[in-house]
C-alpha atoms as a PDB file:
ATOM      1  CA  MET A   1       0.032   0.187   0.094  1.00  0.00           C
ATOM      2  CA  PRO A   2       1.395   3.472  -1.095  1.00  0.00           C
ATOM      3  CA  THR A   3       2.431   5.939   1.491  1.00  0.00           C
ATOM      4  CA  LEU A   4       0.012   9.010   1.243  1.00  0.00           C
ATOM      5  CA  ARG A   5       0.001  12.399   3.123  1.00  0.00           C
ATOM      6  CA  LEU A   6      -3.690  13.563   2.286  1.00  0.00           C
ATOM      7  CA  LEU A   7      -4.021  15.747   5.192  1.00  0.00           C
ATOM      8  CA  PRO A   8      -1.936  18.940   4.557  1.00  0.00           C
ATOM      9  CA  GLU A   9      -4.292  21.183   6.574  1.00  0.00           C
ATOM     10  CA  LEU A  10      -4.106  18.944   9.619  1.00  0.00           C
ATOM     11  CA  GLU A  11      -0.212  19.014   9.301  1.00  0.00           C
ATOM     12  CA  GLU A  12      -0.290  22.717   9.255  1.00  0.00           C
ATOM     13  CA  ALA A  13      -2.534  23.055  12.211  1.00  0.00           C
ATOM     14  CA  LEU A  14      -0.360  20.612  14.223  1.00  0.00           C
ATOM     15  CA  ARG A  15       2.638  22.905  13.520  1.00  0.00           C
ATOM     16  CA  GLN A  16       0.702  25.604  15.161  1.00  0.00           C
ATOM     17  CA  ILE A  17       0.764  24.000  18.523  1.00  0.00           C
ATOM     18  CA  PRO A  18       2.979  25.678  20.989  1.00  0.00           C
ATOM     19  CA  GLY A  19       6.351  23.921  21.039  1.00  0.00           C
ATOM     20  CA  VAL A  20       5.828  21.963  17.889  1.00  0.00           C
ATOM     21  CA  ARG A  21       8.461  22.431  15.373  1.00  0.00           C
ATOM     22  CA  ALA A  22       7.425  20.361  12.547  1.00  0.00           C
ATOM     23  CA  ALA A  23       4.827  17.672  12.120  1.00  0.00           C
ATOM     24  CA  SER A  24       4.024  14.913   9.401  1.00  0.00           C
ATOM     25  CA  VAL A  25       0.817  13.029   8.909  1.00  0.00           C
ATOM     26  CA  VAL A  26       0.824   9.646   6.869  1.00  0.00           C
ATOM     27  CA  THR A  27      -2.418   8.519   5.731  1.00  0.00           C
ATOM     28  CA  GLY A  28      -3.904   5.653   4.006  1.00  0.00           C
ATOM     29  CA  PRO A  29      -5.795   6.084   0.866  1.00  0.00           C
ATOM     30  CA  ASP A  30      -8.969   6.715   2.773  1.00  0.00           C
ATOM     31  CA  ALA A  31      -7.254   9.893   4.250  1.00  0.00           C
ATOM     32  CA  ALA A  32      -7.244   8.398   7.571  1.00  0.00           C
ATOM     33  CA  PRO A  33      -3.985   8.987   9.734  1.00  0.00           C
ATOM     34  CA  THR A  34      -1.748   5.796  10.148  1.00  0.00           C
ATOM     35  CA  GLU A  35       1.075   7.544  11.417  1.00  0.00           C
ATOM     36  CA  VAL A  36       1.645  11.094  13.009  1.00  0.00           C
ATOM     37  CA  HIS A  37       5.533  12.298  13.598  1.00  0.00           C
ATOM     38  CA  VAL A  38       5.977  15.310  15.708  1.00  0.00           C
ATOM     39  CA  LEU A  39       9.226  17.207  16.167  1.00  0.00           C
ATOM     40  CA  ALA A  40       8.974  19.255  19.482  1.00  0.00           C
ATOM     41  CA  ALA A  41      10.854  21.551  21.862  1.00  0.00           C
ATOM     42  CA  PRO A  42      11.196  20.554  25.438  1.00  0.00           C
ATOM     43  CA  GLY A  43       8.833  21.938  28.109  1.00  0.00           C
ATOM     44  CA  LYS A  44       6.027  19.589  27.761  1.00  0.00           C
ATOM     45  CA  THR A  45       6.083  15.829  28.318  1.00  0.00           C
ATOM     46  CA  ALA A  46       5.841  13.743  25.197  1.00  0.00           C
ATOM     47  CA  LYS A  47       2.348  12.451  26.558  1.00  0.00           C
ATOM     48  CA  GLN A  48       1.096  15.968  26.747  1.00  0.00           C
ATOM     49  CA  VAL A  49       2.391  16.566  23.075  1.00  0.00           C
ATOM     50  CA  VAL A  50       0.331  13.665  22.105  1.00  0.00           C
ATOM     51  CA  ARG A  51      -2.833  15.096  23.876  1.00  0.00           C
ATOM     52  CA  ASP A  52      -2.522  18.040  22.172  1.00  0.00           C
ATOM     53  CA  VAL A  53      -2.287  16.610  19.048  1.00  0.00           C
ATOM     54  CA  GLN A  54      -5.362  14.444  19.752  1.00  0.00           C
ATOM     55  CA  SER A  55      -7.594  17.382  21.067  1.00  0.00           C
ATOM     56  CA  LEU A  56      -6.644  19.529  17.838  1.00  0.00           C
ATOM     57  CA  ALA A  57      -7.298  16.808  15.516  1.00  0.00           C
ATOM     58  CA  MET A  58     -10.726  16.072  17.154  1.00  0.00           C
ATOM     59  CA  ALA A  59     -11.827  19.631  17.876  1.00  0.00           C
ATOM     60  CA  ARG A  60     -10.958  21.199  14.302  1.00  0.00           C
ATOM     61  CA  PHE A  61     -11.109  18.300  12.041  1.00  0.00           C
ATOM     62  CA  ASP A  62     -13.482  15.733  13.783  1.00  0.00           C
ATOM     63  CA  ILE A  63     -10.496  13.170  13.510  1.00  0.00           C
ATOM     64  CA  ASP A  64     -10.075  10.629  16.383  1.00  0.00           C
ATOM     65  CA  ILE A  65      -6.229   9.775  16.414  1.00  0.00           C
ATOM     66  CA  ASP A  66      -5.059   6.742  18.277  1.00  0.00           C
ATOM     67  CA  HIS A  67      -2.236   7.668  20.628  1.00  0.00           C
ATOM     68  CA  ARG A  68      -0.315   4.629  19.538  1.00  0.00           C
ATOM     69  CA  ILE A  69       0.320   6.245  16.075  1.00  0.00           C
ATOM     70  CA  VAL A  70       1.727   9.361  17.265  1.00  0.00           C
ATOM     71  CA  SER A  71       5.697   9.662  17.623  1.00  0.00           C
ATOM     72  CA  VAL A  72       7.217  12.548  19.251  1.00  0.00           C
ATOM     73  CA  VAL A  73      11.042  13.525  19.025  1.00  0.00           C
ATOM     74  CA  GLN A  74      11.995  16.255  21.424  1.00  0.00           C
ATOM     75  CA  LEU A  75      15.060  18.402  20.815  1.00  0.00           C
ATOM     76  CA  GLY A  76      16.577  21.049  23.389  1.00  0.00           C
ATOM     77  CA  GLU A  77      16.790  24.688  22.380  1.00  0.00           C
ATOM     78  CA  ASP A  78      20.536  24.502  23.228  1.00  0.00           C
ATOM     79  CA  GLU A  79      20.815  20.833  21.447  1.00  0.00           C
ATOM     80  CA  PRO A  80      20.530  21.363  17.844  1.00  0.00           C
ATOM     81  CA  VAL A  81      20.176  18.158  15.557  1.00  0.00           C
ATOM     82  CA  ARG A  82      23.882  17.143  15.172  1.00  0.00           C
ATOM     83  CA  GLY A  83      25.232  16.881  11.718  1.00  0.00           C
ATOM     84  CA  ALA A  84      28.546  15.494  10.713  1.00  0.00           C
ATOM     85  CA  ALA A  85      30.198  18.880  10.757  1.00  0.00           C
ATOM     86  CA  GLU A  86      29.018  19.566  14.146  1.00  0.00           C
ATOM     87  CA  CYS A  87      29.838  16.067  15.828  1.00  0.00           C
ATOM     88  CA  GLU A  88      32.711  14.202  14.446  1.00  0.00           C
ATOM     89  CA  PRO A  89      32.327  10.239  15.285  1.00  0.00           C
ATOM     90  CA  SER A  90      34.647   8.809  17.650  1.00  0.00           C
ATOM     91  CA  PRO A  91      37.278   6.097  16.431  1.00  0.00           C
ATOM     92  CA  THR A  92      35.193   3.440  18.049  1.00  0.00           C
ATOM     93  CA  ARG A  93      31.780   4.596  16.946  1.00  0.00           C
ATOM     94  CA  PRO A  94      30.286   3.543  13.441  1.00  0.00           C
ATOM     95  CA  ALA A  95      30.260   6.123  10.763  1.00  0.00           C
ATOM     96  CA  ILE A  96      28.587   6.247   7.559  1.00  0.00           C
ATOM     97  CA  THR A  97      31.368   6.112   4.645  1.00  0.00           C
ATOM     98  CA  GLY A  98      29.338   5.550   1.565  1.00  0.00           C
ATOM     99  CA  ILE A  99      25.734   5.755   0.151  1.00  0.00           C
ATOM    100  CA  THR A 100      24.737   4.524  -3.488  1.00  0.00           C
ATOM    101  CA  VAL A 101      21.316   4.977  -4.707  1.00  0.00           C
ATOM    102  CA  ARG A 102      20.313   3.359  -8.066  1.00  0.00           C
ATOM    103  CA  THR A 103      16.978   3.159  -9.798  1.00  0.00           C
ATOM    104  CA  ALA A 104      16.189   0.009 -11.768  1.00  0.00           C
ATOM    105  CA  GLY A 105      12.852   0.173 -13.575  1.00  0.00           C
ATOM    106  CA  GLU A 106      10.380   0.899 -10.846  1.00  0.00           C
ATOM    107  CA  GLN A 107      12.652  -0.058  -8.064  1.00  0.00           C
ATOM    108  CA  THR A 108      15.061   2.068  -5.903  1.00  0.00           C
ATOM    109  CA  GLN A 109      18.164   0.104  -4.773  1.00  0.00           C
ATOM    110  CA  VAL A 110      20.150   1.457  -1.843  1.00  0.00           C
ATOM    111  CA  SER A 111      23.611   0.130  -0.532  1.00  0.00           C
ATOM    112  CA  VAL A 112      24.954   1.756   2.924  1.00  0.00           C
ATOM    113  CA  GLN A 113      28.573   1.294   3.977  1.00  0.00           C
ATOM    114  CA  VAL A 114      29.272   1.809   7.319  1.00  0.00           C
ATOM    115  CA  ALA A 115      32.981   1.817   9.083  1.00  0.00           C
ATOM    116  CA  ASP A 116      33.540   0.600  12.736  1.00  0.00           C
ATOM    117  CA  GLY A 117      37.259   1.245  13.340  1.00  0.00           C
ATOM    118  CA  GLU A 118      38.893  -1.135  10.918  1.00  0.00           C
ATOM    119  CA  GLN A 119      35.890  -2.901  10.391  1.00  0.00           C
ATOM    120  CA  SER A 120      33.492  -2.276   7.413  1.00  0.00           C
ATOM    121  CA  PHE A 121      29.907  -3.437   6.719  1.00  0.00           C
ATOM    122  CA  GLU A 122      27.516  -3.028   4.002  1.00  0.00           C
ATOM    123  CA  GLY A 123      23.698  -3.127   3.966  1.00  0.00           C
ATOM    124  CA  HIS A 124      21.269  -3.135   1.203  1.00  0.00           C
ATOM    125  CA  GLY A 125      17.584  -1.980   0.799  1.00  0.00           C
ATOM    126  CA  GLU A 126      14.999  -2.061  -2.072  1.00  0.00           C
ATOM    127  CA  GLY A 127      11.696  -0.375  -2.391  1.00  0.00           C
ATOM    128  CA  PRO A 128       9.454   1.400  -4.880  1.00  0.00           C
ATOM    129  CA  VAL A 129      10.791   4.415  -6.811  1.00  0.00           C
ATOM    130  CA  GLY A 130      10.000   7.955  -5.449  1.00  0.00           C
ATOM    131  CA  PRO A 131      10.780  10.425  -2.893  1.00  0.00           C
ATOM    132  CA  VAL A 132       8.148   8.989  -0.594  1.00  0.00           C
ATOM    133  CA  HIS A 133       9.627   5.885  -0.417  1.00  0.00           C
ATOM    134  CA  ARG A 134      13.513   6.652  -0.678  1.00  0.00           C
ATOM    135  CA  ALA A 135      13.930   7.724   2.956  1.00  0.00           C
ATOM    136  CA  ARG A 136      12.572   4.334   4.064  1.00  0.00           C
ATOM    137  CA  VAL A 137      14.747   2.440   1.770  1.00  0.00           C
ATOM    138  CA  VAL A 138      17.843   4.187   2.916  1.00  0.00           C
ATOM    139  CA  ALA A 139      16.937   3.632   6.638  1.00  0.00           C
ATOM    140  CA  VAL A 140      16.567  -0.329   5.777  1.00  0.00           C
ATOM    141  CA  ALA A 141      19.704  -0.486   4.155  1.00  0.00           C
ATOM    142  CA  THR A 142      21.686   1.422   7.181  1.00  0.00           C
ATOM    143  CA  VAL A 143      19.961  -0.916   9.557  1.00  0.00           C
ATOM    144  CA  ALA A 144      20.923  -3.880   7.354  1.00  0.00           C
ATOM    145  CA  ALA A 145      24.500  -2.445   7.301  1.00  0.00           C
ATOM    146  CA  LEU A 146      24.552  -2.144  11.332  1.00  0.00           C
ATOM    147  CA  GLY A 147      22.936  -5.557  11.726  1.00  0.00           C
ATOM    148  CA  GLU A 148      26.216  -7.368  12.941  1.00  0.00           C
ATOM    149  CA  LEU A 149      27.122  -4.699  15.331  1.00  0.00           C
ATOM    150  CA  LEU A 150      23.572  -4.753  16.788  1.00  0.00           C
ATOM    151  CA  GLY A 151      23.434  -8.297  17.374  1.00  0.00           C
ATOM    152  CA  ARG A 152      19.474  -8.206  17.803  1.00  0.00           C
ATOM    153  CA  SER A 153      16.600  -7.732  15.567  1.00  0.00           C
ATOM    154  CA  CYS A 154      15.735  -4.220  14.436  1.00  0.00           C
ATOM    155  CA  GLN A 155      13.043  -3.081  12.096  1.00  0.00           C
ATOM    156  CA  VAL A 156      12.196   0.501  10.472  1.00  0.00           C
ATOM    157  CA  GLU A 157       9.096   1.579  11.381  1.00  0.00           C
ATOM    158  CA  SER A 158       9.104   4.864   9.358  1.00  0.00           C
ATOM    159  CA  ALA A 159      11.663   7.364   7.773  1.00  0.00           C
ATOM    160  CA  MET A 160      10.990  10.546   6.385  1.00  0.00           C
ATOM    161  CA  VAL A 161      12.376  14.054   6.044  1.00  0.00           C
ATOM    162  CA  VAL A 162      10.200  16.826   7.418  1.00  0.00           C
ATOM    163  CA  ARG A 163      10.508  20.648   7.304  1.00  0.00           C
ATOM    164  CA  ALA A 164      11.335  22.589  10.702  1.00  0.00           C
ATOM    165  CA  GLY A 165      11.038  26.151  10.054  1.00  0.00           C
ATOM    166  CA  GLN A 166      13.542  26.982   7.442  1.00  0.00           C
ATOM    167  CA  ARG A 167      15.284  23.508   7.708  1.00  0.00           C
ATOM    168  CA  GLU A 168      14.809  19.967   6.794  1.00  0.00           C
ATOM    169  CA  VAL A 169      15.281  17.319   9.263  1.00  0.00           C
ATOM    170  CA  ALA A 170      15.411  13.460   8.710  1.00  0.00           C
ATOM    171  CA  LEU A 171      13.387  11.720  11.185  1.00  0.00           C
ATOM    172  CA  SER A 172      13.711   7.606  11.564  1.00  0.00           C
ATOM    173  CA  VAL A 173      11.696   5.507  13.978  1.00  0.00           C
ATOM    174  CA  LEU A 174      12.872   2.004  14.796  1.00  0.00           C
ATOM    175  CA  THR A 175      11.506  -0.828  16.707  1.00  0.00           C
ATOM    176  CA  MET A 176      14.005  -3.340  18.441  1.00  0.00           C
ATOM    177  CA  SER A 177      13.465  -6.485  20.262  1.00  0.00           C
ATOM    178  CA  VAL A 178      15.341  -6.558  23.428  1.00  0.00           C
ATOM    179  CA  PRO A 179      15.547  -9.791  25.577  1.00  0.00           C
ATOM    180  CA  ARG A 180      13.543  -9.814  28.695  1.00  0.00           C
ATOM    181  CA  VAL A 181      12.368  -6.314  27.909  1.00  0.00           C
ATOM    182  CA  GLY A 182      10.278  -6.577  24.678  1.00  0.00           C
ATOM    183  CA  GLU A 183       9.961  -4.269  21.890  1.00  0.00           C
ATOM    184  CA  GLN A 184      11.529  -0.941  22.139  1.00  0.00           C
ATOM    185  CA  VAL A 185      10.785   2.330  20.110  1.00  0.00           C
ATOM    186  CA  LEU A 186      13.768   4.220  18.935  1.00  0.00           C
ATOM    187  CA  THR A 187      13.744   7.787  17.248  1.00  0.00           C
ATOM    188  CA  GLY A 188      16.659   9.478  15.736  1.00  0.00           C
ATOM    189  CA  THR A 189      17.003  12.870  13.938  1.00  0.00           C
ATOM    190  CA  ALA A 190      19.824  14.518  11.777  1.00  0.00           C
ATOM    191  CA  MET A 191      19.884  17.731  10.000  1.00  0.00           C
ATOM    192  CA  VAL A 192      19.731  17.586   6.313  1.00  0.00           C
ATOM    193  CA  ARG A 193      22.960  19.223   4.957  1.00  0.00           C
ATOM    194  CA  GLY A 194      22.533  18.883   1.074  1.00  0.00           C
ATOM    195  CA  ASP A 195      21.902  15.290   0.772  1.00  0.00           C
ATOM    196  CA  GLU A 196      18.732  13.839   2.177  1.00  0.00           C
ATOM    197  CA  ALA A 197      19.922  10.138   1.889  1.00  0.00           C
ATOM    198  CA  ASP A 198      23.182  10.977   4.123  1.00  0.00           C
ATOM    199  CA  ALA A 199      20.903  12.713   6.567  1.00  0.00           C
ATOM    200  CA  VAL A 200      18.371   9.516   6.901  1.00  0.00           C
ATOM    201  CA  ALA A 201      21.431   7.263   7.478  1.00  0.00           C
ATOM    202  CA  ARG A 202      22.711   9.387  10.246  1.00  0.00           C
ATOM    203  CA  SER A 203      19.162   9.836  11.860  1.00  0.00           C
ATOM    204  CA  VAL A 204      19.319   5.908  12.061  1.00  0.00           C
ATOM    205  CA  LEU A 205      22.849   6.042  13.679  1.00  0.00           C
ATOM    206  CA  ASP A 206      21.356   8.553  16.108  1.00  0.00           C
ATOM    207  CA  ALA A 207      18.482   6.459  17.078  1.00  0.00           C
ATOM    208  CA  LEU A 208      20.693   3.446  17.636  1.00  0.00           C
ATOM    209  CA  ASN A 209      23.588   5.347  19.387  1.00  0.00           C
ATOM    210  CA  ARG A 210      23.018   3.953  22.864  1.00  0.00           C
ATOM    211  CA  GLN A 211      22.904   0.345  21.561  1.00  0.00           C
ATOM    212  CA  LEU A 212      25.949   0.505  19.490  1.00  0.00           C
ATOM    213  CA  ALA A 213      28.024   2.092  22.160  1.00  0.00           C
ATOM    214  CA  SER A 214      27.033  -0.733  24.743  1.00  0.00           C
END
């Protein structure tokens, strides 16, 4: 099923909520929301941001949003999204060393190369052609490249590039199965600095930072 964004008015309204910097609403063909992604400043709890999203959607658009489809990423005012130029990876941390994107017929094929010290890894992803799908394919390829280092199952729930004011930010949401804990939801962000694919790959690294460091 294609990924659609059929509620631009709702997205714009969500961006007017105090503290919300960016918002993206993914819908099905019936225009019903299936995913809501919010980039917010600190000050409110994530739970309160979700309540604000639900209240606005119901009051203004008569749309009942399930709290389980809303993901919130909060960034501090003094903690801008880190880019490669702002935060060089340490020698012991994985770093993106190459990304290749090819189009073959109606498919987008992506390979991502990752280096960890003297070790190098490569992951691949494939999906439909189009900018809506490209971010997810890049994220899948990045997770695949990091699979051996992670040593556990990790899936891409969503990946996209959203606008935050005058800037664009890559946002990845991952799910990971952790023994004796269960499923964990991980989020990561990275500022777009020219190439969206690179930003998406870095947002996956940001989401997995703690797991890769442990």
